Amino acid sequence: DASKSRGLGDVYKRQRHLANCKKEPSYNFDTYHQVFEANHGYIENLSILDLLFNEGPNTLNYLQSQTLERSPI
């Protein structure tokens, strides 16, 4: 159906900035406690496992407080 495909195209156009293969995305996430932060400073862009191991039960609260808006390049 043509009307359904047009609707999906609109969704794609609104969300395509979230998946841009040409540039590494940059987001403004809040920092969280990292165990070795005193020795190495805060390290960005680690895996979700780092967040889980460092924040534990607070991980869900942290994730819910973040927004997915790209920082200006």
PDB file of N, CA and C in Angstrom:
ATOM      1  N   ASP A   1       0.840  -1.191   0.000  1.00  0.00           N
ATOM      2  CA  ASP A   1       0.000   0.000   0.000  1.00  0.00           C
ATOM      3  C   ASP A   1       0.883   1.252   0.000  1.00  0.00           C
ATOM      4  N   ALA A   2       0.605   2.182  -0.896  1.00  0.00           N
ATOM      5  CA  ALA A   2       1.439   3.377  -1.055  1.00  0.00           C
ATOM      6  C   ALA A   2       1.411   4.279   0.172  1.00  0.00           C
ATOM      7  N   SER A   3       0.259   4.377   0.840  1.00  0.00           N
ATOM      8  CA  SER A   3       0.182   5.264   2.009  1.00  0.00           C
ATOM      9  C   SER A   3       1.037   4.741   3.158  1.00  0.00           C
ATOM     10  N   LYS A   4       1.137   3.428   3.313  1.00  0.00           N
ATOM     11  CA  LYS A   4       1.976   2.858   4.375  1.00  0.00           C
ATOM     12  C   LYS A   4       3.450   3.112   4.090  1.00  0.00           C
ATOM     13  N   SER A   5       3.865   2.947   2.843  1.00  0.00           N
ATOM     14  CA  SER A   5       5.277   3.152   2.523  1.00  0.00           C
ATOM     15  C   SER A   5       5.668   4.616   2.679  1.00  0.00           C
ATOM     16  N   ARG A   6       4.770   5.530   2.367  1.00  0.00           N
ATOM     17  CA  ARG A   6       5.051   6.948   2.584  1.00  0.00           C
ATOM     18  C   ARG A   6       5.234   7.235   4.058  1.00  0.00           C
ATOM     19  N   GLY A   7       4.436   6.613   4.908  1.00  0.00           N
ATOM     20  CA  GLY A   7       4.550   6.806   6.347  1.00  0.00           C
ATOM     21  C   GLY A   7       5.889   6.329   6.875  1.00  0.00           C
ATOM     22  N   LEU A   8       6.359   5.185   6.388  1.00  0.00           N
ATOM     23  CA  LEU A   8       7.656   4.674   6.820  1.00  0.00           C
ATOM     24  C   LEU A   8       8.785   5.574   6.327  1.00  0.00           C
ATOM     25  N   GLY A   9       8.646   6.122   5.134  1.00  0.00           N
ATOM     26  CA  GLY A   9       9.647   7.052   4.620  1.00  0.00           C
ATOM     27  C   GLY A   9       9.766   8.290   5.490  1.00  0.00           C
ATOM     28  N   ASP A  10       8.633   8.785   5.973  1.00  0.00           N
ATOM     29  CA  ASP A  10       8.644   9.945   6.863  1.00  0.00           C
ATOM     30  C   ASP A  10       9.355   9.614   8.169  1.00  0.00           C
ATOM     31  N   VAL A  11       9.117   8.430   8.711  1.00  0.00           N
ATOM     32  CA  VAL A  11       9.789   8.006   9.935  1.00  0.00           C
ATOM     33  C   VAL A  11      11.288   7.934   9.692  1.00  0.00           C
ATOM     34  N   TYR A  12      11.683   7.356   8.569  1.00  0.00           N
ATOM     35  CA  TYR A  12      13.106   7.262   8.225  1.00  0.00           C
ATOM     36  C   TYR A  12      13.741   8.648   8.155  1.00  0.00           C
ATOM     37  N   LYS A  13      13.088   9.579   7.481  1.00  0.00           N
ATOM     38  CA  LYS A  13      13.651  10.915   7.328  1.00  0.00           C
ATOM     39  C   LYS A  13      13.827  11.607   8.675  1.00  0.00           C
ATOM     40  N   ARG A  14      12.905  11.373   9.601  1.00  0.00           N
ATOM     41  CA  ARG A  14      13.007  12.003  10.922  1.00  0.00           C
ATOM     42  C   ARG A  14      14.087  11.366  11.780  1.00  0.00           C
ATOM     43  N   GLN A  15      14.391  10.086  11.581  1.00  0.00           N
ATOM     44  CA  GLN A  15      15.315   9.367  12.450  1.00  0.00           C
ATOM     45  C   GLN A  15      16.676   9.087  11.829  1.00  0.00           C
ATOM     46  N   ARG A  16      16.887   9.428  10.571  1.00  0.00           N
ATOM     47  CA  ARG A  16      18.126   9.026   9.905  1.00  0.00           C
ATOM     48  C   ARG A  16      19.373   9.658  10.509  1.00  0.00           C
ATOM     49  N   HIS A  17      19.236  10.781  11.219  1.00  0.00           N
ATOM     50  CA  HIS A  17      20.406  11.389  11.858  1.00  0.00           C
ATOM     51  C   HIS A  17      20.980  10.498  12.960  1.00  0.00           C
ATOM     52  N   LEU A  18      20.205   9.526  13.458  1.00  0.00           N
ATOM     53  CA  LEU A  18      20.689   8.631  14.505  1.00  0.00           C
ATOM     54  C   LEU A  18      21.626   7.558  13.962  1.00  0.00           C
ATOM     55  N   ALA A  19      21.616   7.324  12.657  1.00  0.00           N
ATOM     56  CA  ALA A  19      22.474   6.302  12.047  1.00  0.00           C
ATOM     57  C   ALA A  19      23.185   6.888  10.829  1.00  0.00           C
ATOM     58  N   ASN A  20      24.276   7.556  11.061  1.00  0.00           N
ATOM     59  CA  ASN A  20      25.056   8.155   9.987  1.00  0.00           C
ATOM     60  C   ASN A  20      26.399   7.436   9.926  1.00  0.00           C
ATOM     61  N   CYS A  21      26.616   6.625   8.917  1.00  0.00           N
ATOM     62  CA  CYS A  21      27.825   5.805   8.798  1.00  0.00           C
ATOM     63  C   CYS A  21      29.063   6.617   8.463  1.00  0.00           C
ATOM     64  N   LYS A  22      28.899   7.789   7.925  1.00  0.00           N
ATOM     65  CA  LYS A  22      30.044   8.562   7.462  1.00  0.00           C
ATOM     66  C   LYS A  22      30.780   9.262   8.597  1.00  0.00           C
ATOM     67  N   LYS A  23      30.090   9.579   9.668  1.00  0.00           N
ATOM     68  CA  LYS A  23      30.712  10.303  10.773  1.00  0.00           C
ATOM     69  C   LYS A  23      30.429   9.570  12.074  1.00  0.00           C
ATOM     70  N   GLU A  24      31.381   9.629  12.972  1.00  0.00           N
ATOM     71  CA  GLU A  24      31.202   9.067  14.304  1.00  0.00           C
ATOM     72  C   GLU A  24      30.247   9.993  15.057  1.00  0.00           C
ATOM     73  N   PRO A  25      29.110   9.483  15.535  1.00  0.00           N
ATOM     74  CA  PRO A  25      28.167  10.367  16.232  1.00  0.00           C
ATOM     75  C   PRO A  25      28.748  10.856  17.557  1.00  0.00           C
ATOM     76  N   SER A  26      28.350  12.030  17.937  1.00  0.00           N
ATOM     77  CA  SER A  26      28.791  12.607  19.201  1.00  0.00           C
ATOM     78  C   SER A  26      27.558  13.040  19.980  1.00  0.00           C
ATOM     79  N   TYR A  27      27.391  12.509  21.168  1.00  0.00           N
ATOM     80  CA  TYR A  27      26.242  12.828  22.009  1.00  0.00           C
ATOM     81  C   TYR A  27      26.716  13.452  23.312  1.00  0.00           C
ATOM     82  N   ASN A  28      25.891  14.253  23.908  1.00  0.00           N
ATOM     83  CA  ASN A  28      26.216  14.898  25.181  1.00  0.00           C
ATOM     84  C   ASN A  28      25.589  14.130  26.331  1.00  0.00           C
ATOM     85  N   PHE A  29      26.184  12.995  26.699  1.00  0.00           N
ATOM     86  CA  PHE A  29      25.679  12.220  27.824  1.00  0.00           C
ATOM     87  C   PHE A  29      26.306  12.728  29.114  1.00  0.00           C
ATOM     88  N   ASP A  30      25.567  12.637  30.202  1.00  0.00           N
ATOM     89  CA  ASP A  30      26.106  12.982  31.510  1.00  0.00           C
ATOM     90  C   ASP A  30      27.182  11.971  31.887  1.00  0.00           C
ATOM     91  N   THR A  31      28.145  12.413  32.692  1.00  0.00           N
ATOM     92  CA  THR A  31      29.166  11.492  33.172  1.00  0.00           C
ATOM     93  C   THR A  31      28.583  10.655  34.311  1.00  0.00           C
ATOM     94  N   TYR A  32      29.207   9.534  34.583  1.00  0.00           N
ATOM     95  CA  TYR A  32      28.835   8.676  35.703  1.00  0.00           C
ATOM     96  C   TYR A  32      30.126   8.236  36.383  1.00  0.00           C
ATOM     97  N   HIS A  33      30.027   7.712  37.590  1.00  0.00           N
ATOM     98  CA  HIS A  33      31.206   7.283  38.337  1.00  0.00           C
ATOM     99  C   HIS A  33      31.870   6.104  37.635  1.00  0.00           C
ATOM    100  N   GLN A  34      33.183   6.205  37.430  1.00  0.00           N
ATOM    101  CA  GLN A  34      33.978   5.101  36.909  1.00  0.00           C
ATOM    102  C   GLN A  34      35.048   4.761  37.945  1.00  0.00           C
ATOM    103  N   VAL A  35      35.254   3.485  38.189  1.00  0.00           N
ATOM    104  CA  VAL A  35      36.128   3.029  39.268  1.00  0.00           C
ATOM    105  C   VAL A  35      37.534   3.629  39.182  1.00  0.00           C
ATOM    106  N   PHE A  36      38.131   3.664  38.003  1.00  0.00           N
ATOM    107  CA  PHE A  36      39.500   4.147  37.858  1.00  0.00           C
ATOM    108  C   PHE A  36      39.565   5.586  37.350  1.00  0.00           C
ATOM    109  N   GLU A  37      38.510   6.346  37.576  1.00  0.00           N
ATOM    110  CA  GLU A  37      38.457   7.732  37.106  1.00  0.00           C
ATOM    111  C   GLU A  37      39.561   8.587  37.736  1.00  0.00           C
ATOM    112  N   ALA A  38      39.899   8.345  38.988  1.00  0.00           N
ATOM    113  CA  ALA A  38      40.952   9.120  39.652  1.00  0.00           C
ATOM    114  C   ALA A  38      42.311   8.908  38.977  1.00  0.00           C
ATOM    115  N   ASN A  39      42.547   7.712  38.467  1.00  0.00           N
ATOM    116  CA  ASN A  39      43.834   7.399  37.822  1.00  0.00           C
ATOM    117  C   ASN A  39      43.878   7.799  36.354  1.00  0.00           C
ATOM    118  N   HIS A  40      42.774   7.620  35.636  1.00  0.00           N
ATOM    119  CA  HIS A  40      42.767   7.785  34.178  1.00  0.00           C
ATOM    120  C   HIS A  40      41.853   8.893  33.678  1.00  0.00           C
ATOM    121  N   GLY A  41      41.138   9.556  34.564  1.00  0.00           N
ATOM    122  CA  GLY A  41      40.150  10.537  34.141  1.00  0.00           C
ATOM    123  C   GLY A  41      38.903   9.829  33.622  1.00  0.00           C
ATOM    124  N   TYR A  42      37.888  10.592  33.308  1.00  0.00           N
ATOM    125  CA  TYR A  42      36.657  10.011  32.786  1.00  0.00           C
ATOM    126  C   TYR A  42      36.880   9.585  31.337  1.00  0.00           C
ATOM    127  N   ILE A  43      36.510   8.349  31.001  1.00  0.00           N
ATOM    128  CA  ILE A  43      36.679   7.823  29.646  1.00  0.00           C
ATOM    129  C   ILE A  43      35.305   7.686  29.004  1.00  0.00           C
ATOM    130  N   GLU A  44      35.093   8.411  27.908  1.00  0.00           N
ATOM    131  CA  GLU A  44      33.810   8.390  27.207  1.00  0.00           C
ATOM    132  C   GLU A  44      33.692   7.194  26.273  1.00  0.00           C
ATOM    133  N   ASN A  45      32.469   6.966  25.803  1.00  0.00           N
ATOM    134  CA  ASN A  45      32.167   6.012  24.731  1.00  0.00           C
ATOM    135  C   ASN A  45      32.607   4.582  25.027  1.00  0.00           C
ATOM    136  N   LEU A  46      32.472   4.162  26.266  1.00  0.00           N
ATOM    137  CA  LEU A  46      32.726   2.767  26.602  1.00  0.00           C
ATOM    138  C   LEU A  46      31.439   1.980  26.419  1.00  0.00           C
ATOM    139  N   SER A  47      31.491   0.698  26.623  1.00  0.00           N
ATOM    140  CA  SER A  47      30.312  -0.135  26.392  1.00  0.00           C
ATOM    141  C   SER A  47      29.290   0.002  27.515  1.00  0.00           C
ATOM    142  N   ILE A  48      28.119  -0.514  27.259  1.00  0.00           N
ATOM    143  CA  ILE A  48      27.059  -0.531  28.267  1.00  0.00           C
ATOM    144  C   ILE A  48      27.494  -1.327  29.489  1.00  0.00           C
ATOM    145  N   LEU A  49      28.407  -2.281  29.304  1.00  0.00           N
ATOM    146  CA  LEU A  49      28.900  -3.061  30.440  1.00  0.00           C
ATOM    147  C   LEU A  49      29.629  -2.182  31.444  1.00  0.00           C
ATOM    148  N   ASP A  50      30.379  -1.193  30.964  1.00  0.00           N
ATOM    149  CA  ASP A  50      31.055  -0.272  31.875  1.00  0.00           C
ATOM    150  C   ASP A  50      30.030   0.461  32.731  1.00  0.00           C
ATOM    151  N   LEU A  51      28.974   0.942  32.106  1.00  0.00           N
ATOM    152  CA  LEU A  51      27.913   1.626  32.840  1.00  0.00           C
ATOM    153  C   LEU A  51      27.266   0.686  33.856  1.00  0.00           C
ATOM    154  N   LEU A  52      26.948  -0.517  33.448  1.00  0.00           N
ATOM    155  CA  LEU A  52      26.317  -1.484  34.351  1.00  0.00           C
ATOM    156  C   LEU A  52      27.211  -1.824  35.546  1.00  0.00           C
ATOM    157  N   PHE A  53      28.490  -2.084  35.298  1.00  0.00           N
ATOM    158  CA  PHE A  53      29.393  -2.455  36.384  1.00  0.00           C
ATOM    159  C   PHE A  53      29.685  -1.290  37.324  1.00  0.00           C
ATOM    160  N   ASN A  54      29.683  -0.070  36.806  1.00  0.00           N
ATOM    161  CA  ASN A  54      29.992   1.084  37.643  1.00  0.00           C
ATOM    162  C   ASN A  54      28.769   1.660  38.352  1.00  0.00           C
ATOM    163  N   GLU A  55      27.624   1.660  37.709  1.00  0.00           N
ATOM    164  CA  GLU A  55      26.422   2.256  38.300  1.00  0.00           C
ATOM    165  C   GLU A  55      25.501   1.229  38.951  1.00  0.00           C
ATOM    166  N   GLY A  56      25.599  -0.017  38.565  1.00  0.00           N
ATOM    167  CA  GLY A  56      24.780  -1.067  39.173  1.00  0.00           C
ATOM    168  C   GLY A  56      23.293  -0.770  39.056  1.00  0.00           C
ATOM    169  N   PRO A  57      22.565  -0.812  40.182  1.00  0.00           N
ATOM    170  CA  PRO A  57      21.112  -0.602  40.155  1.00  0.00           C
ATOM    171  C   PRO A  57      20.691   0.782  39.664  1.00  0.00           C
ATOM    172  N   ASN A  58      21.593   1.739  39.675  1.00  0.00           N
ATOM    173  CA  ASN A  58      21.266   3.097  39.224  1.00  0.00           C
ATOM    174  C   ASN A  58      21.332   3.235  37.700  1.00  0.00           C
ATOM    175  N   THR A  59      21.746   2.191  36.988  1.00  0.00           N
ATOM    176  CA  THR A  59      21.896   2.245  35.530  1.00  0.00           C
ATOM    177  C   THR A  59      20.603   2.656  34.837  1.00  0.00           C
ATOM    178  N   LEU A  60      19.485   2.075  35.230  1.00  0.00           N
ATOM    179  CA  LEU A  60      18.211   2.402  34.587  1.00  0.00           C
ATOM    180  C   LEU A  60      17.867   3.873  34.779  1.00  0.00           C
ATOM    181  N   ASN A  61      18.053   4.401  35.983  1.00  0.00           N
ATOM    182  CA  ASN A  61      17.791   5.826  36.227  1.00  0.00           C
ATOM    183  C   ASN A  61      18.684   6.702  35.353  1.00  0.00           C
ATOM    184  N   TYR A  62      19.962   6.327  35.255  1.00  0.00           N
ATOM    185  CA  TYR A  62      20.891   7.087  34.418  1.00  0.00           C
ATOM    186  C   TYR A  62      20.413   7.104  32.963  1.00  0.00           C
ATOM    187  N   LEU A  63      20.089   5.936  32.419  1.00  0.00           N
ATOM    188  CA  LEU A  63      19.668   5.847  31.016  1.00  0.00           C
ATOM    189  C   LEU A  63      18.377   6.627  30.758  1.00  0.00           C
ATOM    190  N   GLN A  64      17.434   6.558  31.681  1.00  0.00           N
ATOM    191  CA  GLN A  64      16.166   7.268  31.498  1.00  0.00           C
ATOM    192  C   GLN A  64      16.345   8.781  31.560  1.00  0.00           C
ATOM    193  N   SER A  65      17.401   9.245  32.192  1.00  0.00           N
ATOM    194  CA  SER A  65      17.613  10.690  32.305  1.00  0.00           C
ATOM    195  C   SER A  65      18.345  11.278  31.092  1.00  0.00           C
ATOM    196  N   GLN A  66      18.827  10.432  30.180  1.00  0.00           N
ATOM    197  CA  GLN A  66      19.580  10.896  29.011  1.00  0.00           C
ATOM    198  C   GLN A  66      18.655  11.169  27.832  1.00  0.00           C
ATOM    199  N   THR A  67      19.102  12.061  26.939  1.00  0.00           N
ATOM    200  CA  THR A  67      18.369  12.331  25.703  1.00  0.00           C
ATOM    201  C   THR A  67      19.266  11.993  24.522  1.00  0.00           C
ATOM    202  N   LEU A  68      18.670  11.607  23.409  1.00  0.00           N
ATOM    203  CA  LEU A  68      19.424  11.242  22.205  1.00  0.00           C
ATOM    204  C   LEU A  68      19.456  12.391  21.223  1.00  0.00           C
ATOM    205  N   GLU A  69      20.080  13.474  21.597  1.00  0.00           N
ATOM    206  CA  GLU A  69      20.269  14.586  20.687  1.00  0.00           C
ATOM    207  C   GLU A  69      21.744  14.701  20.401  1.00  0.00           C
ATOM    208  N   ARG A  70      22.075  14.776  19.135  1.00  0.00           N
ATOM    209  CA  ARG A  70      23.480  14.874  18.746  1.00  0.00           C
ATOM    210  C   ARG A  70      24.018  16.248  19.078  1.00  0.00           C
ATOM    211  N   SER A  71      25.272  16.284  19.500  1.00  0.00           N
ATOM    212  CA  SER A  71      25.909  17.571  19.741  1.00  0.00           C
ATOM    213  C   SER A  71      26.322  18.175  18.404  1.00  0.00           C
ATOM    214  N   PRO A  72      26.351  19.486  18.310  1.00  0.00           N
ATOM    215  CA  PRO A  72      26.722  20.124  17.039  1.00  0.00           C
ATOM    216  C   PRO A  72      28.169  19.803  16.674  1.00  0.00           C
ATOM    217  N   ILE A  73      28.398  19.626  15.373  1.00  0.00           N
ATOM    218  CA  ILE A  73      29.749  19.276  14.903  1.00  0.00           C
ATOM    219  C   ILE A  73      30.464  20.511  14.416  1.00  0.00           C
TER     220      ILE A  73
END
